[in-house]
N, C-alpha and C. Protein backbone atom coordinates (compact mmCIF):
# COMPACT_ATOMS: atom_id res chain seq x y z
N MET A 1 -34.34 -30.93 34.28
CA MET A 1 -34.74 -31.84 33.24
C MET A 1 -33.51 -32.31 32.50
N ILE A 2 -33.55 -33.52 32.05
CA ILE A 2 -32.46 -34.08 31.27
C ILE A 2 -33.01 -34.46 29.92
N THR A 3 -32.27 -34.12 28.88
CA THR A 3 -32.64 -34.51 27.54
C THR A 3 -31.66 -35.56 27.09
N LYS A 4 -32.12 -36.73 26.80
CA LYS A 4 -31.27 -37.82 26.33
C LYS A 4 -31.13 -37.70 24.82
N LYS A 5 -30.09 -38.34 24.30
CA LYS A 5 -29.95 -38.39 22.85
C LYS A 5 -31.18 -39.08 22.26
N PRO A 6 -31.59 -38.69 21.06
CA PRO A 6 -32.79 -39.28 20.47
C PRO A 6 -32.66 -40.78 20.28
N LEU A 7 -33.72 -41.47 20.56
CA LEU A 7 -33.73 -42.91 20.36
C LEU A 7 -34.13 -43.23 18.93
N HIS A 8 -34.87 -42.34 18.31
CA HIS A 8 -35.36 -42.58 16.96
C HIS A 8 -34.43 -41.93 15.95
N LYS A 9 -34.24 -42.60 14.87
CA LYS A 9 -33.40 -42.08 13.81
C LYS A 9 -34.28 -41.30 12.84
N GLN A 10 -34.62 -40.09 13.25
CA GLN A 10 -35.48 -39.27 12.43
C GLN A 10 -35.11 -37.80 12.58
N ILE A 11 -35.52 -37.04 11.59
CA ILE A 11 -35.27 -35.60 11.57
C ILE A 11 -36.62 -34.93 11.38
N ILE A 12 -36.91 -33.96 12.23
CA ILE A 12 -38.17 -33.23 12.15
C ILE A 12 -37.90 -31.90 11.47
N VAL A 13 -38.69 -31.60 10.44
CA VAL A 13 -38.56 -30.33 9.73
C VAL A 13 -39.91 -29.61 9.82
N PRO A 14 -40.05 -28.70 10.79
CA PRO A 14 -41.32 -27.98 10.91
C PRO A 14 -41.55 -27.07 9.70
N MET A 15 -42.78 -27.12 9.19
CA MET A 15 -43.15 -26.26 8.05
C MET A 15 -44.67 -26.23 7.93
N ASN A 16 -45.14 -25.29 7.16
CA ASN A 16 -46.55 -25.15 6.84
C ASN A 16 -47.06 -26.45 6.20
N THR A 17 -48.27 -26.88 6.57
CA THR A 17 -48.82 -28.14 6.06
C THR A 17 -48.96 -28.13 4.54
N GLU A 18 -49.35 -27.01 3.98
CA GLU A 18 -49.49 -26.92 2.51
C GLU A 18 -48.14 -27.11 1.82
N ILE A 19 -47.09 -26.52 2.38
CA ILE A 19 -45.75 -26.68 1.80
C ILE A 19 -45.30 -28.13 1.95
N ALA A 20 -45.60 -28.75 3.08
CA ALA A 20 -45.23 -30.15 3.30
C ALA A 20 -45.91 -31.05 2.27
N LYS A 21 -47.20 -30.81 2.01
CA LYS A 21 -47.92 -31.60 1.01
C LYS A 21 -47.32 -31.41 -0.38
N LYS A 22 -46.96 -30.17 -0.69
CA LYS A 22 -46.32 -29.88 -1.98
C LYS A 22 -44.98 -30.62 -2.09
N TYR A 23 -44.22 -30.62 -1.00
CA TYR A 23 -42.92 -31.29 -0.98
C TYR A 23 -43.05 -32.79 -1.20
N LEU A 24 -44.08 -33.40 -0.62
CA LEU A 24 -44.23 -34.85 -0.71
C LEU A 24 -44.78 -35.33 -2.05
N LYS A 25 -45.21 -34.40 -2.92
CA LYS A 25 -45.72 -34.82 -4.23
C LYS A 25 -44.64 -35.50 -5.07
N ASP A 26 -43.39 -35.11 -4.86
CA ASP A 26 -42.29 -35.70 -5.62
C ASP A 26 -41.31 -36.36 -4.65
N LEU A 27 -41.83 -37.22 -3.81
CA LEU A 27 -41.11 -37.82 -2.69
C LEU A 27 -39.84 -38.54 -3.11
N SER A 28 -39.89 -39.41 -4.11
CA SER A 28 -38.72 -40.20 -4.48
C SER A 28 -37.56 -39.31 -4.96
N THR A 29 -37.88 -38.25 -5.69
CA THR A 29 -36.85 -37.31 -6.15
C THR A 29 -36.18 -36.63 -4.97
N HIS A 30 -36.97 -36.26 -3.95
CA HIS A 30 -36.41 -35.58 -2.78
C HIS A 30 -35.52 -36.51 -1.96
N ILE A 31 -35.91 -37.76 -1.82
CA ILE A 31 -35.08 -38.72 -1.09
C ILE A 31 -33.75 -38.90 -1.81
N VAL A 32 -33.80 -39.01 -3.12
CA VAL A 32 -32.57 -39.17 -3.91
C VAL A 32 -31.67 -37.94 -3.75
N SER A 33 -32.24 -36.73 -3.82
CA SER A 33 -31.41 -35.52 -3.71
C SER A 33 -30.83 -35.36 -2.30
N ILE A 34 -31.61 -35.70 -1.29
CA ILE A 34 -31.09 -35.63 0.09
C ILE A 34 -29.95 -36.63 0.25
N ASN A 35 -30.13 -37.85 -0.23
CA ASN A 35 -29.08 -38.86 -0.10
C ASN A 35 -27.82 -38.50 -0.89
N ARG A 36 -28.00 -37.88 -2.05
CA ARG A 36 -26.85 -37.44 -2.85
C ARG A 36 -26.08 -36.35 -2.08
N ALA A 37 -26.80 -35.41 -1.51
CA ALA A 37 -26.15 -34.33 -0.75
C ALA A 37 -25.43 -34.89 0.48
N LEU A 38 -26.05 -35.84 1.16
CA LEU A 38 -25.42 -36.46 2.34
C LEU A 38 -24.17 -37.24 1.94
N LYS A 39 -24.24 -37.91 0.79
CA LYS A 39 -23.08 -38.67 0.30
C LYS A 39 -21.94 -37.71 -0.04
N ASN A 40 -22.27 -36.55 -0.61
CA ASN A 40 -21.24 -35.56 -0.99
C ASN A 40 -20.48 -35.02 0.22
N ILE A 41 -21.13 -34.97 1.38
CA ILE A 41 -20.43 -34.49 2.57
C ILE A 41 -19.88 -35.68 3.38
N LYS A 42 -19.90 -36.87 2.77
CA LYS A 42 -19.39 -38.10 3.40
C LYS A 42 -20.08 -38.40 4.74
N SER A 43 -21.37 -38.20 4.75
CA SER A 43 -22.17 -38.50 5.94
C SER A 43 -22.35 -40.00 6.09
N ASN A 44 -22.60 -40.43 7.31
CA ASN A 44 -22.83 -41.86 7.54
C ASN A 44 -24.33 -42.17 7.66
N ILE A 45 -25.19 -41.23 7.24
CA ILE A 45 -26.63 -41.50 7.27
C ILE A 45 -27.20 -41.44 5.86
N MET A 46 -28.37 -42.03 5.72
CA MET A 46 -29.15 -41.94 4.49
C MET A 46 -30.61 -41.78 4.86
N ALA A 47 -31.35 -41.09 4.02
CA ALA A 47 -32.79 -40.94 4.23
C ALA A 47 -33.49 -42.17 3.65
N ASN A 48 -34.39 -42.75 4.44
CA ASN A 48 -35.15 -43.92 3.98
C ASN A 48 -36.57 -43.58 3.57
N PHE A 49 -37.17 -42.63 4.28
CA PHE A 49 -38.59 -42.37 4.09
C PHE A 49 -38.90 -40.96 4.59
N ILE A 50 -39.88 -40.32 3.97
CA ILE A 50 -40.34 -38.99 4.40
C ILE A 50 -41.85 -39.03 4.53
N CYS A 51 -42.38 -38.48 5.61
CA CYS A 51 -43.83 -38.43 5.80
C CYS A 51 -44.23 -37.12 6.47
N ILE A 52 -45.52 -36.80 6.40
CA ILE A 52 -46.05 -35.61 7.07
C ILE A 52 -46.48 -36.01 8.47
N LYS A 53 -46.06 -35.22 9.44
CA LYS A 53 -46.50 -35.42 10.82
C LYS A 53 -46.72 -34.06 11.45
N ASP A 54 -47.81 -33.95 12.18
CA ASP A 54 -48.15 -32.71 12.87
C ASP A 54 -47.97 -31.51 11.96
N LYS A 55 -47.04 -30.64 12.28
CA LYS A 55 -46.86 -29.41 11.48
C LYS A 55 -45.52 -29.43 10.78
N GLY A 56 -45.33 -30.40 9.88
CA GLY A 56 -44.09 -30.48 9.15
C GLY A 56 -43.88 -31.86 8.57
N ILE A 57 -42.63 -32.15 8.23
CA ILE A 57 -42.29 -33.46 7.71
C ILE A 57 -41.30 -34.14 8.65
N VAL A 58 -41.28 -35.45 8.58
CA VAL A 58 -40.33 -36.26 9.34
C VAL A 58 -39.56 -37.11 8.34
N ILE A 59 -38.24 -37.06 8.44
CA ILE A 59 -37.38 -37.85 7.57
C ILE A 59 -36.79 -38.97 8.41
N LEU A 60 -37.09 -40.21 8.04
CA LEU A 60 -36.53 -41.37 8.74
C LEU A 60 -35.17 -41.68 8.15
N THR A 61 -34.17 -41.87 8.99
CA THR A 61 -32.80 -42.06 8.54
C THR A 61 -32.19 -43.35 9.08
N THR A 62 -31.04 -43.72 8.54
CA THR A 62 -30.36 -44.95 8.95
C THR A 62 -29.60 -44.78 10.26
N ASN A 63 -29.20 -43.58 10.62
CA ASN A 63 -28.50 -43.28 11.86
C ASN A 63 -28.96 -41.93 12.38
N VAL A 64 -28.51 -41.58 13.57
CA VAL A 64 -28.84 -40.27 14.14
C VAL A 64 -28.01 -39.21 13.43
N ALA A 65 -28.66 -38.16 12.98
CA ALA A 65 -28.01 -37.09 12.22
C ALA A 65 -27.17 -36.20 13.13
N ASN A 66 -26.09 -35.66 12.57
CA ASN A 66 -25.28 -34.67 13.28
C ASN A 66 -25.61 -33.28 12.74
N PRO A 67 -25.09 -32.21 13.34
CA PRO A 67 -25.44 -30.86 12.88
C PRO A 67 -25.13 -30.60 11.40
N LEU A 68 -24.03 -31.15 10.88
CA LEU A 68 -23.70 -30.96 9.47
C LEU A 68 -24.74 -31.63 8.58
N ASP A 69 -25.19 -32.82 8.97
CA ASP A 69 -26.25 -33.51 8.22
C ASP A 69 -27.52 -32.66 8.18
N LEU A 70 -27.87 -32.09 9.33
CA LEU A 70 -29.08 -31.26 9.42
C LEU A 70 -28.98 -30.03 8.52
N GLN A 71 -27.80 -29.41 8.48
CA GLN A 71 -27.61 -28.24 7.60
C GLN A 71 -27.77 -28.62 6.13
N GLU A 72 -27.21 -29.75 5.77
CA GLU A 72 -27.28 -30.19 4.37
C GLU A 72 -28.71 -30.53 3.97
N ILE A 73 -29.44 -31.17 4.86
CA ILE A 73 -30.84 -31.50 4.59
C ILE A 73 -31.66 -30.23 4.48
N GLU A 74 -31.39 -29.26 5.33
CA GLU A 74 -32.11 -27.98 5.25
C GLU A 74 -31.88 -27.32 3.89
N LYS A 75 -30.64 -27.31 3.41
CA LYS A 75 -30.33 -26.73 2.09
C LYS A 75 -31.11 -27.44 0.99
N CYS A 76 -31.12 -28.78 1.04
CA CYS A 76 -31.83 -29.57 0.02
C CYS A 76 -33.31 -29.23 -0.02
N ILE A 77 -33.92 -29.18 1.15
CA ILE A 77 -35.35 -28.93 1.22
C ILE A 77 -35.68 -27.53 0.72
N LYS A 78 -34.92 -26.54 1.18
CA LYS A 78 -35.19 -25.15 0.78
C LYS A 78 -34.92 -24.93 -0.70
N ASN A 79 -33.90 -25.60 -1.25
CA ASN A 79 -33.59 -25.46 -2.68
C ASN A 79 -34.65 -26.10 -3.56
N SER A 80 -35.28 -27.15 -3.06
CA SER A 80 -36.26 -27.88 -3.89
C SER A 80 -37.64 -27.24 -3.88
N LEU A 81 -37.89 -26.36 -2.92
CA LEU A 81 -39.20 -25.71 -2.83
C LEU A 81 -39.11 -24.25 -3.28
N ASN A 82 -40.05 -23.85 -4.08
CA ASN A 82 -40.12 -22.45 -4.47
C ASN A 82 -41.08 -21.73 -3.55
N ALA A 83 -40.83 -21.86 -2.26
CA ALA A 83 -41.70 -21.25 -1.25
C ALA A 83 -40.88 -20.29 -0.42
N ASP A 84 -41.56 -19.50 0.36
CA ASP A 84 -40.90 -18.61 1.28
C ASP A 84 -40.13 -19.46 2.29
N THR A 85 -38.81 -19.37 2.28
CA THR A 85 -38.01 -20.23 3.15
C THR A 85 -38.19 -19.89 4.62
N ASN A 86 -38.81 -18.76 4.93
CA ASN A 86 -39.10 -18.44 6.33
C ASN A 86 -40.21 -19.33 6.88
N GLN A 87 -40.98 -19.96 5.99
CA GLN A 87 -42.04 -20.87 6.42
C GLN A 87 -41.52 -22.27 6.70
N ILE A 88 -40.22 -22.48 6.47
CA ILE A 88 -39.59 -23.77 6.72
C ILE A 88 -38.60 -23.58 7.85
N SER A 89 -38.83 -24.23 8.97
CA SER A 89 -37.95 -24.08 10.12
C SER A 89 -36.72 -24.98 9.99
N THR A 90 -35.73 -24.71 10.80
CA THR A 90 -34.51 -25.49 10.80
C THR A 90 -34.80 -26.93 11.24
N PRO A 91 -34.28 -27.90 10.50
CA PRO A 91 -34.47 -29.30 10.89
C PRO A 91 -33.87 -29.56 12.27
N ARG A 92 -34.50 -30.46 13.00
CA ARG A 92 -34.01 -30.77 14.35
C ARG A 92 -34.24 -32.25 14.64
N LEU A 93 -33.54 -32.71 15.66
CA LEU A 93 -33.73 -34.08 16.12
C LEU A 93 -34.85 -34.11 17.14
N PRO A 94 -35.52 -35.23 17.28
CA PRO A 94 -36.55 -35.32 18.32
C PRO A 94 -35.90 -35.26 19.69
N GLN A 95 -36.61 -34.70 20.64
CA GLN A 95 -36.09 -34.60 22.00
C GLN A 95 -37.13 -35.13 22.97
N SER A 96 -36.64 -35.75 24.01
CA SER A 96 -37.54 -36.16 25.07
C SER A 96 -37.01 -35.58 26.37
N LYS A 97 -37.91 -35.15 27.21
CA LYS A 97 -37.52 -34.59 28.49
C LYS A 97 -38.06 -35.48 29.59
N SER A 98 -37.24 -35.69 30.58
CA SER A 98 -37.68 -36.48 31.72
C SER A 98 -37.13 -35.85 32.99
N TYR A 99 -37.73 -36.19 34.09
CA TYR A 99 -37.29 -35.68 35.38
C TYR A 99 -36.48 -36.76 36.07
N LEU A 100 -35.50 -36.34 36.79
CA LEU A 100 -34.63 -37.27 37.49
C LEU A 100 -34.47 -36.80 38.93
N LYS A 101 -34.72 -37.68 39.85
CA LYS A 101 -34.56 -37.37 41.26
C LYS A 101 -33.33 -38.12 41.76
N ILE A 102 -32.34 -37.40 42.24
CA ILE A 102 -31.10 -38.00 42.73
C ILE A 102 -31.09 -37.85 44.24
N ILE A 103 -30.97 -38.97 44.93
CA ILE A 103 -30.97 -38.97 46.39
C ILE A 103 -29.59 -39.41 46.86
N GLY A 104 -29.12 -38.83 47.95
CA GLY A 104 -27.86 -39.28 48.54
C GLY A 104 -26.72 -38.31 48.36
N ILE A 105 -26.97 -37.15 47.87
CA ILE A 105 -25.94 -36.13 47.75
C ILE A 105 -26.16 -35.15 48.90
N SER A 106 -25.07 -34.81 49.57
CA SER A 106 -25.17 -33.90 50.71
C SER A 106 -25.73 -32.55 50.26
N TYR A 107 -26.56 -31.96 51.10
CA TYR A 107 -27.14 -30.65 50.81
C TYR A 107 -26.09 -29.55 50.96
N LEU A 108 -25.11 -29.77 51.82
CA LEU A 108 -24.06 -28.78 52.08
C LEU A 108 -22.81 -29.12 51.28
N ALA A 109 -22.16 -28.09 50.78
CA ALA A 109 -20.91 -28.27 50.05
C ALA A 109 -19.82 -28.74 51.01
N GLU A 110 -18.88 -29.56 50.49
CA GLU A 110 -17.79 -30.05 51.33
C GLU A 110 -16.98 -28.87 51.86
N GLN A 111 -16.51 -28.98 53.09
CA GLN A 111 -15.67 -27.98 53.75
C GLN A 111 -16.32 -26.61 53.80
N SER A 112 -17.65 -26.60 53.89
CA SER A 112 -18.36 -25.33 53.91
C SER A 112 -19.73 -25.53 54.53
N ASN A 113 -20.32 -24.49 55.01
CA ASN A 113 -21.69 -24.57 55.52
C ASN A 113 -22.70 -24.00 54.55
N THR A 114 -22.30 -23.81 53.30
CA THR A 114 -23.23 -23.29 52.29
C THR A 114 -23.84 -24.47 51.53
N HIS A 115 -25.07 -24.29 51.10
CA HIS A 115 -25.72 -25.38 50.36
C HIS A 115 -25.20 -25.43 48.92
N LEU A 116 -25.33 -26.61 48.31
CA LEU A 116 -24.88 -26.80 46.93
C LEU A 116 -25.66 -25.91 45.98
N SER A 117 -24.99 -25.46 44.96
CA SER A 117 -25.64 -24.64 43.93
C SER A 117 -25.95 -25.52 42.71
N SER A 118 -26.70 -24.99 41.78
CA SER A 118 -26.99 -25.71 40.54
C SER A 118 -25.70 -26.04 39.79
N ASP A 119 -24.74 -25.11 39.82
CA ASP A 119 -23.45 -25.34 39.16
C ASP A 119 -22.70 -26.51 39.81
N ASP A 120 -22.78 -26.62 41.15
CA ASP A 120 -22.15 -27.75 41.84
C ASP A 120 -22.76 -29.07 41.38
N ILE A 121 -24.07 -29.09 41.26
CA ILE A 121 -24.76 -30.32 40.83
C ILE A 121 -24.36 -30.67 39.40
N GLU A 122 -24.26 -29.67 38.53
CA GLU A 122 -23.85 -29.94 37.15
C GLU A 122 -22.45 -30.55 37.11
N LYS A 123 -21.54 -30.05 37.94
CA LYS A 123 -20.17 -30.61 37.99
C LYS A 123 -20.21 -32.06 38.48
N ILE A 124 -21.03 -32.34 39.47
CA ILE A 124 -21.16 -33.71 39.98
C ILE A 124 -21.68 -34.63 38.88
N LEU A 125 -22.69 -34.18 38.14
CA LEU A 125 -23.26 -35.00 37.07
C LEU A 125 -22.24 -35.25 35.96
N LYS A 126 -21.50 -34.20 35.59
CA LYS A 126 -20.51 -34.34 34.51
C LYS A 126 -19.37 -35.27 34.90
N SER A 127 -19.06 -35.35 36.17
CA SER A 127 -17.95 -36.19 36.61
C SER A 127 -18.34 -37.66 36.78
N ASN A 128 -19.62 -37.97 36.66
CA ASN A 128 -20.09 -39.33 36.87
C ASN A 128 -20.43 -39.97 35.52
N HIS A 129 -19.82 -41.12 35.23
CA HIS A 129 -20.01 -41.78 33.93
C HIS A 129 -21.46 -42.19 33.66
N ILE A 130 -22.26 -42.31 34.70
CA ILE A 130 -23.67 -42.69 34.51
C ILE A 130 -24.40 -41.65 33.66
N PHE A 131 -23.95 -40.41 33.74
CA PHE A 131 -24.63 -39.33 33.04
C PHE A 131 -23.97 -38.94 31.72
N ASN A 132 -23.09 -39.81 31.20
CA ASN A 132 -22.51 -39.56 29.87
C ASN A 132 -23.66 -39.49 28.86
N ASN A 133 -23.51 -38.68 27.86
CA ASN A 133 -24.48 -38.54 26.77
C ASN A 133 -25.82 -37.97 27.23
N THR A 134 -25.84 -37.27 28.36
CA THR A 134 -27.05 -36.57 28.77
C THR A 134 -26.77 -35.08 28.72
N VAL A 135 -27.79 -34.33 28.41
CA VAL A 135 -27.68 -32.88 28.32
C VAL A 135 -28.76 -32.30 29.21
N LEU A 136 -28.38 -31.41 30.09
CA LEU A 136 -29.37 -30.77 30.94
C LEU A 136 -30.15 -29.75 30.11
N ALA A 137 -31.45 -29.85 30.16
CA ALA A 137 -32.30 -28.92 29.42
C ALA A 137 -32.58 -27.66 30.24
N SER A 138 -32.33 -27.72 31.55
CA SER A 138 -32.51 -26.56 32.41
C SER A 138 -31.63 -26.74 33.64
N LYS A 139 -31.54 -25.70 34.43
CA LYS A 139 -30.73 -25.75 35.66
C LYS A 139 -31.37 -26.72 36.64
N PRO A 140 -30.55 -27.52 37.35
CA PRO A 140 -31.11 -28.43 38.35
C PRO A 140 -31.74 -27.65 39.52
N ARG A 141 -32.81 -28.21 40.07
CA ARG A 141 -33.42 -27.65 41.29
C ARG A 141 -32.95 -28.48 42.46
N ILE A 142 -32.58 -27.83 43.53
CA ILE A 142 -32.07 -28.53 44.70
C ILE A 142 -33.10 -28.37 45.81
N ILE A 143 -33.52 -29.51 46.36
CA ILE A 143 -34.54 -29.51 47.40
C ILE A 143 -34.02 -30.34 48.56
N LYS A 144 -34.13 -29.81 49.74
CA LYS A 144 -33.71 -30.53 50.93
C LYS A 144 -34.74 -31.63 51.23
N VAL A 145 -34.25 -32.85 51.52
CA VAL A 145 -35.13 -33.98 51.76
C VAL A 145 -36.02 -33.70 52.97
N PHE A 146 -35.43 -33.40 54.11
CA PHE A 146 -36.14 -33.04 55.33
C PHE A 146 -35.47 -31.81 55.92
N PRO A 147 -36.22 -30.90 56.50
CA PRO A 147 -35.63 -29.66 57.01
C PRO A 147 -34.46 -29.86 57.98
N LYS A 148 -34.47 -30.94 58.79
CA LYS A 148 -33.42 -31.11 59.79
C LYS A 148 -32.26 -31.98 59.31
N LEU A 149 -32.35 -32.56 58.11
CA LEU A 149 -31.26 -33.38 57.58
C LEU A 149 -30.35 -32.54 56.70
N ASN A 150 -29.12 -33.02 56.54
CA ASN A 150 -28.22 -32.31 55.64
C ASN A 150 -28.12 -33.02 54.29
N MET A 151 -29.14 -33.78 53.93
CA MET A 151 -29.19 -34.46 52.64
C MET A 151 -30.16 -33.70 51.73
N SER A 152 -29.95 -33.83 50.44
CA SER A 152 -30.84 -33.16 49.48
C SER A 152 -31.21 -34.15 48.40
N HIS A 153 -32.24 -33.81 47.65
CA HIS A 153 -32.46 -34.51 46.40
C HIS A 153 -32.59 -33.45 45.32
N HIS A 154 -32.28 -33.85 44.11
CA HIS A 154 -32.15 -32.90 43.01
C HIS A 154 -33.15 -33.27 41.92
N LEU A 155 -33.92 -32.33 41.53
CA LEU A 155 -34.84 -32.53 40.42
C LEU A 155 -34.26 -31.85 39.21
N ASP A 156 -33.92 -32.61 38.22
CA ASP A 156 -33.35 -32.05 36.99
C ASP A 156 -34.37 -31.98 35.92
């Protein structure tokens, strides 16, 4: 599986629904405090909107957040709530997983009669610019196209 960088500029903060409702009662104050904290760390994002979704809150931002932004937002949220902070999970970016089938790579390693390993496939992917900004969510699976051919396809 491959996880691409998030397409949406949002941050998901899983938490108890009751705590999320309590947090949203003073929405404008929280947006201001989050933006002040982000400005203090010289972040290039700002929070535009906060809403409840599924089991937590979603913060819509101007750009994709980095790990430092996520840490700062977590501090702001936990400091503003007088709740058990164990009920508030670490903020995260949305992730999407997709499968990719790559055809045309030899099943056998060069200068050897052994088949390619998952590590070999990862090296091939990292060396190809097409796969820049992709992160493997799991080890690639290698499947031979036909039993008598020396070609394989890879399910990531």
